[in-house]
Amino acid sequence: MNRKLLREARLWLIAFLLLSHENTIPLAVGLGHFLASDASPWELLMATALIYALPPAAIYYAFRRYMVGGLTAGAVKT
């Protein structure tokens, strides 16, 4: 668990340091820029985070039948 967290933090830091142009930064780094100011616009941060989380949730709900079937197929010996 700690390795994944450190890897993601390292990837975020590399993107933060190397991609400084506003048009090339990843969305996760852009969300971090919201918190850099003293008066953080929390309503914009939450709206952006929701939009950022919708595609993976939609993909999961669209294919959950296949995902659960694949997970349980490997657990049952036929």
C-alpha atoms as a PDB file:
ATOM      1  CA  MET A   1       0.000   0.000   0.000  1.00  0.00           C
ATOM      2  CA  ASN A   2       2.777   2.431   0.865  1.00  0.00           C
ATOM      3  CA  ARG A   3       4.599   1.754  -2.397  1.00  0.00           C
ATOM      4  CA  LYS A   4       1.532   2.722  -4.423  1.00  0.00           C
ATOM      5  CA  LEU A   5       1.119   5.914  -2.436  1.00  0.00           C
ATOM      6  CA  LEU A   6       4.768   6.846  -2.853  1.00  0.00           C
ATOM      7  CA  ARG A   7       4.659   6.048  -6.579  1.00  0.00           C
ATOM      8  CA  GLU A   8       1.603   8.229  -7.120  1.00  0.00           C
ATOM      9  CA  ALA A   9       3.111  11.056  -5.075  1.00  0.00           C
ATOM     10  CA  ARG A  10       6.300  10.814  -7.114  1.00  0.00           C
ATOM     11  CA  LEU A  11       4.380  10.867 -10.398  1.00  0.00           C
ATOM     12  CA  TRP A  12       2.388  13.885  -9.228  1.00  0.00           C
ATOM     13  CA  LEU A  13       5.574  15.684  -8.201  1.00  0.00           C
ATOM     14  CA  ILE A  14       7.278  14.956 -11.532  1.00  0.00           C
ATOM     15  CA  ALA A  15       4.245  16.259 -13.414  1.00  0.00           C
ATOM     16  CA  PHE A  16       4.121  19.307 -11.148  1.00  0.00           C
ATOM     17  CA  LEU A  17       7.788  20.145 -11.673  1.00  0.00           C
ATOM     18  CA  LEU A  18       8.248  19.306 -15.354  1.00  0.00           C
ATOM     19  CA  LEU A  19       4.942  20.337 -16.889  1.00  0.00           C
ATOM     20  CA  SER A  20       4.707  23.990 -15.981  1.00  0.00           C
ATOM     21  CA  HIS A  21       2.697  25.284 -18.943  1.00  0.00           C
ATOM     22  CA  GLU A  22      -0.988  25.747 -18.167  1.00  0.00           C
ATOM     23  CA  ASN A  23      -2.139  23.780 -21.230  1.00  0.00           C
ATOM     24  CA  THR A  24      -0.013  20.694 -20.502  1.00  0.00           C
ATOM     25  CA  ILE A  25      -0.547  20.023 -16.789  1.00  0.00           C
ATOM     26  CA  PRO A  26      -2.555  16.940 -15.776  1.00  0.00           C
ATOM     27  CA  LEU A  27      -5.885  17.432 -14.052  1.00  0.00           C
ATOM     28  CA  ALA A  28      -4.571  16.175 -10.701  1.00  0.00           C
ATOM     29  CA  VAL A  29      -1.872  18.853 -10.707  1.00  0.00           C
ATOM     30  CA  GLY A  30      -4.462  21.444 -11.721  1.00  0.00           C
ATOM     31  CA  LEU A  31      -6.548  20.484  -8.699  1.00  0.00           C
ATOM     32  CA  GLY A  32      -3.489  21.074  -6.537  1.00  0.00           C
ATOM     33  CA  HIS A  33      -3.183  24.590  -7.941  1.00  0.00           C
ATOM     34  CA  PHE A  34      -6.595  25.379  -6.495  1.00  0.00           C
ATOM     35  CA  LEU A  35      -5.213  24.815  -3.004  1.00  0.00           C
ATOM     36  CA  ALA A  36      -2.100  26.918  -3.543  1.00  0.00           C
ATOM     37  CA  SER A  37      -3.851  30.221  -2.921  1.00  0.00           C
ATOM     38  CA  ASP A  38      -4.929  31.584   0.454  1.00  0.00           C
ATOM     39  CA  ALA A  39      -8.603  31.760  -0.481  1.00  0.00           C
ATOM     40  CA  SER A  40      -9.255  28.389  -2.090  1.00  0.00           C
ATOM     41  CA  PRO A  41     -12.410  28.226  -4.217  1.00  0.00           C
ATOM     42  CA  TRP A  42     -13.860  25.100  -2.605  1.00  0.00           C
ATOM     43  CA  GLU A  43     -16.964  25.021  -4.789  1.00  0.00           C
ATOM     44  CA  LEU A  44     -14.808  24.915  -7.938  1.00  0.00           C
ATOM     45  CA  LEU A  45     -12.510  22.324  -6.386  1.00  0.00           C
ATOM     46  CA  MET A  46     -15.401  20.025  -5.500  1.00  0.00           C
ATOM     47  CA  ALA A  47     -17.053  20.459  -8.908  1.00  0.00           C
ATOM     48  CA  THR A  48     -13.786  19.652 -10.688  1.00  0.00           C
ATOM     49  CA  ALA A  49     -13.158  16.648  -8.439  1.00  0.00           C
ATOM     50  CA  LEU A  50     -16.637  15.329  -9.208  1.00  0.00           C
ATOM     51  CA  ILE A  51     -16.080  15.690 -12.954  1.00  0.00           C
ATOM     52  CA  TYR A  52     -12.679  14.012 -12.526  1.00  0.00           C
ATOM     53  CA  ALA A  53     -14.299  11.041 -10.739  1.00  0.00           C
ATOM     54  CA  LEU A  54     -17.297  10.521 -13.060  1.00  0.00           C
ATOM     55  CA  PRO A  55     -15.616   8.663 -15.976  1.00  0.00           C
ATOM     56  CA  PRO A  56     -14.108   5.841 -13.854  1.00  0.00           C
ATOM     57  CA  ALA A  57     -17.400   5.454 -11.982  1.00  0.00           C
ATOM     58  CA  ALA A  58     -19.356   5.323 -15.249  1.00  0.00           C
ATOM     59  CA  ILE A  59     -16.981   2.723 -16.685  1.00  0.00           C
ATOM     60  CA  TYR A  60     -17.305   0.620 -13.534  1.00  0.00           C
ATOM     61  CA  TYR A  61     -21.107   0.723 -13.527  1.00  0.00           C
ATOM     62  CA  ALA A  62     -21.252  -0.057 -17.240  1.00  0.00           C
ATOM     63  CA  PHE A  63     -19.001  -3.121 -16.954  1.00  0.00           C
ATOM     64  CA  ARG A  64     -19.556  -4.254 -13.355  1.00  0.00           C
ATOM     65  CA  ARG A  65     -21.340  -7.444 -14.435  1.00  0.00           C
ATOM     66  CA  TYR A  66     -18.260  -8.518 -16.381  1.00  0.00           C
ATOM     67  CA  MET A  67     -15.853  -7.388 -13.693  1.00  0.00           C
ATOM     68  CA  VAL A  68     -17.617  -9.340 -10.941  1.00  0.00           C
ATOM     69  CA  GLY A  69     -18.004 -12.342 -13.238  1.00  0.00           C
ATOM     70  CA  GLY A  70     -14.308 -12.304 -14.039  1.00  0.00           C
ATOM     71  CA  LEU A  71     -13.320 -11.987 -10.402  1.00  0.00           C
ATOM     72  CA  THR A  72     -15.535 -14.823  -9.258  1.00  0.00           C
ATOM     73  CA  ALA A  73     -14.644 -17.071 -12.202  1.00  0.00           C
ATOM     74  CA  GLY A  74     -11.064 -17.206 -11.005  1.00  0.00           C
ATOM     75  CA  ALA A  75     -12.135 -18.125  -7.477  1.00  0.00           C
ATOM     76  CA  VAL A  76     -14.285 -21.129  -8.374  1.00  0.00           C
ATOM     77  CA  LYS A  77     -12.689 -24.351  -9.467  1.00  0.00           C
ATOM     78  CA  THR A  78     -14.722 -26.184 -12.114  1.00  0.00           C
END
